[in-house]
C-alpha atoms as a PDB file:
ATOM      1  CA  MET A   1      -1.415  16.277 -15.805  1.00  0.00           C
ATOM      2  CA  GLN A   2      -1.980  17.993 -12.783  1.00  0.00           C
ATOM      3  CA  ARG A   3      -5.292  18.207 -10.423  1.00  0.00           C
ATOM      4  CA  PRO A   4      -7.904  21.185 -11.623  1.00  0.00           C
ATOM      5  CA  ASN A   5      -8.351  24.067  -9.384  1.00  0.00           C
ATOM      6  CA  ALA A   6     -11.497  25.017  -7.338  1.00  0.00           C
ATOM      7  CA  ALA A   7     -11.786  27.609 -10.047  1.00  0.00           C
ATOM      8  CA  GLN A   8     -11.645  25.218 -12.836  1.00  0.00           C
ATOM      9  CA  LEU A   9     -14.000  23.199 -11.217  1.00  0.00           C
ATOM     10  CA  THR A  10     -16.978  25.301 -10.223  1.00  0.00           C
ATOM     11  CA  TYR A  11     -16.919  27.170 -13.935  1.00  0.00           C
ATOM     12  CA  GLY A  12     -16.495  23.321 -15.109  1.00  0.00           C
ATOM     13  CA  SER A  13     -19.551  22.457 -13.563  1.00  0.00           C
ATOM     14  CA  ALA A  14     -21.822  25.647 -13.471  1.00  0.00           C
ATOM     15  CA  THR A  15     -21.610  25.721 -17.760  1.00  0.00           C
ATOM     16  CA  VAL A  16     -23.162  22.393 -17.480  1.00  0.00           C
ATOM     17  CA  VAL A  17     -25.813  23.032 -15.845  1.00  0.00           C
ATOM     18  CA  LEU A  18     -26.479  26.212 -17.512  1.00  0.00           C
ATOM     19  CA  ALA A  19     -25.798  24.848 -21.083  1.00  0.00           C
ATOM     20  CA  THR A  20     -28.448  21.868 -20.608  1.00  0.00           C
ATOM     21  CA  VAL A  21     -30.757  23.706 -19.266  1.00  0.00           C
ATOM     22  CA  ALA A  22     -30.302  26.684 -22.177  1.00  0.00           C
ATOM     23  CA  LEU A  23     -29.786  23.560 -24.817  1.00  0.00           C
ATOM     24  CA  LEU A  24     -33.072  21.346 -23.349  1.00  0.00           C
ATOM     25  CA  LEU A  25     -34.974  24.839 -23.321  1.00  0.00           C
ATOM     26  CA  LEU A  26     -33.941  26.144 -26.636  1.00  0.00           C
ATOM     27  CA  SER A  27     -34.296  22.897 -28.465  1.00  0.00           C
ATOM     28  CA  GLY A  28     -37.664  21.871 -26.939  1.00  0.00           C
ATOM     29  CA  THR A  29     -36.340  18.286 -27.281  1.00  0.00           C
ATOM     30  CA  THR A  30     -38.570  15.949 -24.910  1.00  0.00           C
ATOM     31  CA  THR A  31     -37.061  12.513 -26.748  1.00  0.00           C
ATOM     32  CA  LEU A  32     -34.638  10.553 -24.520  1.00  0.00           C
ATOM     33  CA  PRO A  33     -32.117  10.491 -27.454  1.00  0.00           C
ATOM     34  CA  GLY A  34     -33.152  13.963 -27.427  1.00  0.00           C
ATOM     35  CA  ILE A  35     -32.601  15.366 -23.799  1.00  0.00           C
ATOM     36  CA  ALA A  36     -29.360  12.759 -24.002  1.00  0.00           C
ATOM     37  CA  ALA A  37     -27.806  14.485 -26.471  1.00  0.00           C
ATOM     38  CA  VAL A  38     -28.113  17.477 -25.267  1.00  0.00           C
ATOM     39  CA  CYS A  39     -27.193  16.412 -21.876  1.00  0.00           C
ATOM     40  CA  ALA A  40     -23.778  15.110 -23.113  1.00  0.00           C
ATOM     41  CA  ALA A  41     -22.397  18.647 -24.965  1.00  0.00           C
ATOM     42  CA  GLY A  42     -23.428  20.205 -22.071  1.00  0.00           C
ATOM     43  CA  LEU A  43     -20.878  17.779 -20.511  1.00  0.00           C
ATOM     44  CA  LEU A  44     -18.689  17.706 -23.664  1.00  0.00           C
ATOM     45  CA  LEU A  45     -19.238  21.537 -23.250  1.00  0.00           C
ATOM     46  CA  GLY A  46     -18.338  22.330 -19.108  1.00  0.00           C
ATOM     47  CA  VAL A  47     -15.307  20.345 -19.721  1.00  0.00           C
ATOM     48  CA  LEU A  48     -13.822  21.994 -22.319  1.00  0.00           C
ATOM     49  CA  VAL A  49     -14.293  24.641 -20.282  1.00  0.00           C
ATOM     50  CA  ALA A  50     -12.994  23.746 -17.328  1.00  0.00           C
ATOM     51  CA  VAL A  51     -10.208  22.633 -19.347  1.00  0.00           C
ATOM     52  CA  THR A  52      -8.862  25.836 -21.091  1.00  0.00           C
ATOM     53  CA  MET A  53      -9.074  27.968 -18.667  1.00  0.00           C
ATOM     54  CA  PRO A  54      -5.691  28.703 -16.917  1.00  0.00           C
ATOM     55  CA  GLY A  55      -4.308  27.221 -14.085  1.00  0.00           C
ATOM     56  CA  ARG A  56      -2.066  27.396 -11.767  1.00  0.00           C
ATOM     57  CA  ALA A  57       1.017  29.840 -12.268  1.00  0.00           C
ATOM     58  CA  GLY A  58       3.576  28.448 -10.628  1.00  0.00           C
ATOM     59  CA  PRO A  59       4.505  26.345  -7.068  1.00  0.00           C
ATOM     60  CA  VAL A  60       2.689  27.451  -4.247  1.00  0.00           C
ATOM     61  CA  LYS A  61       5.309  29.780  -1.671  1.00  0.00           C
ATOM     62  CA  THR A  62       5.366  28.257   1.485  1.00  0.00           C
ATOM     63  CA  SER A  63       6.268  30.618   4.182  1.00  0.00           C
ATOM     64  CA  ALA A  64       9.240  28.404   6.672  1.00  0.00           C
ATOM     65  CA  PRO A  65      11.782  27.393   4.065  1.00  0.00           C
ATOM     66  CA  VAL A  66      12.671  23.189   3.809  1.00  0.00           C
ATOM     67  CA  ARG A  67      14.911  21.479   5.848  1.00  0.00           C
ATOM     68  CA  SER A  68      16.940  18.245   3.884  1.00  0.00           C
ATOM     69  CA  ALA A  69      17.711  15.824   6.660  1.00  0.00           C
ATOM     70  CA  SER A  70      21.075  17.103   6.562  1.00  0.00           C
ATOM     71  CA  GLY A  71      20.217  19.930   8.793  1.00  0.00           C
ATOM     72  CA  THR A  72      20.698  23.041   5.735  1.00  0.00           C
ATOM     73  CA  ALA A  73      17.110  25.162   4.692  1.00  0.00           C
ATOM     74  CA  GLY A  74      16.754  24.655   0.994  1.00  0.00           C
ATOM     75  CA  THR A  75      14.070  23.884  -1.706  1.00  0.00           C
ATOM     76  CA  SER A  76      11.277  20.770  -1.660  1.00  0.00           C
ATOM     77  CA  GLY A  77      12.300  18.286  -3.990  1.00  0.00           C
ATOM     78  CA  THR A  78      16.068  19.445  -4.438  1.00  0.00           C
ATOM     79  CA  SER A  79      17.760  16.812  -2.347  1.00  0.00           C
ATOM     80  CA  GLY A  80      15.370  14.136  -2.291  1.00  0.00           C
ATOM     81  CA  ASN A  81      15.785  13.542   0.247  1.00  0.00           C
ATOM     82  CA  GLU A  82      13.358  14.847   2.645  1.00  0.00           C
ATOM     83  CA  GLU A  83      12.953  15.147   6.475  1.00  0.00           C
ATOM     84  CA  ILE A  84      10.063  13.168   8.147  1.00  0.00           C
ATOM     85  CA  ARG A  85       8.764  14.559  11.682  1.00  0.00           C
ATOM     86  CA  VAL A  86       7.239  11.837  13.555  1.00  0.00           C
ATOM     87  CA  PRO A  87       5.672  13.131  17.242  1.00  0.00           C
ATOM     88  CA  ALA A  88       7.417  12.489  19.864  1.00  0.00           C
ATOM     89  CA  ALA A  89       5.945  10.418  22.637  1.00  0.00           C
ATOM     90  CA  ARG A  90       4.715  11.658  25.414  1.00  0.00           C
ATOM     91  CA  VAL A  91       6.512  11.126  29.224  1.00  0.00           C
ATOM     92  CA  GLY A  92       3.494  11.230  31.389  1.00  0.00           C
ATOM     93  CA  GLY A  93       2.916   9.532  35.082  1.00  0.00           C
ATOM     94  CA  SER A  94       1.512   5.358  35.535  1.00  0.00           C
ATOM     95  CA  THR A  95      -2.407   4.347  34.545  1.00  0.00           C
ATOM     96  CA  GLY A  96      -4.520   5.504  37.062  1.00  0.00           C
ATOM     97  CA  THR A  97      -2.225   7.865  39.196  1.00  0.00           C
ATOM     98  CA  ARG A  98      -4.436  10.855  40.448  1.00  0.00           C
ATOM     99  CA  ILE A  99      -3.166  13.913  41.458  1.00  0.00           C
ATOM    100  CA  GLY A 100      -4.579  16.760  43.522  1.00  0.00           C
ATOM    101  CA  SER A 101      -6.957  14.382  44.690  1.00  0.00           C
END
């Protein structure tokens, strides 16, 4: 299952809050089991909205192609051996050396 995007989380959360407030106002319940049932119904409705909302249409496009270990350009996930980029070590003067003082 793919992770929910920002729109799904936003619509689901807003549905939970608004549905729970509306159901509490409309039902007029004051007992603890009634409030718990209304909260559970609002939560289920919010999850239903978030799950049934359409997700991303396809993979996210990047501006540069991913290079494989052999150095040829390709798509990510085709070769299985993706290059790992490691930053180069910084070369500097010895510790405690001041330049220009």
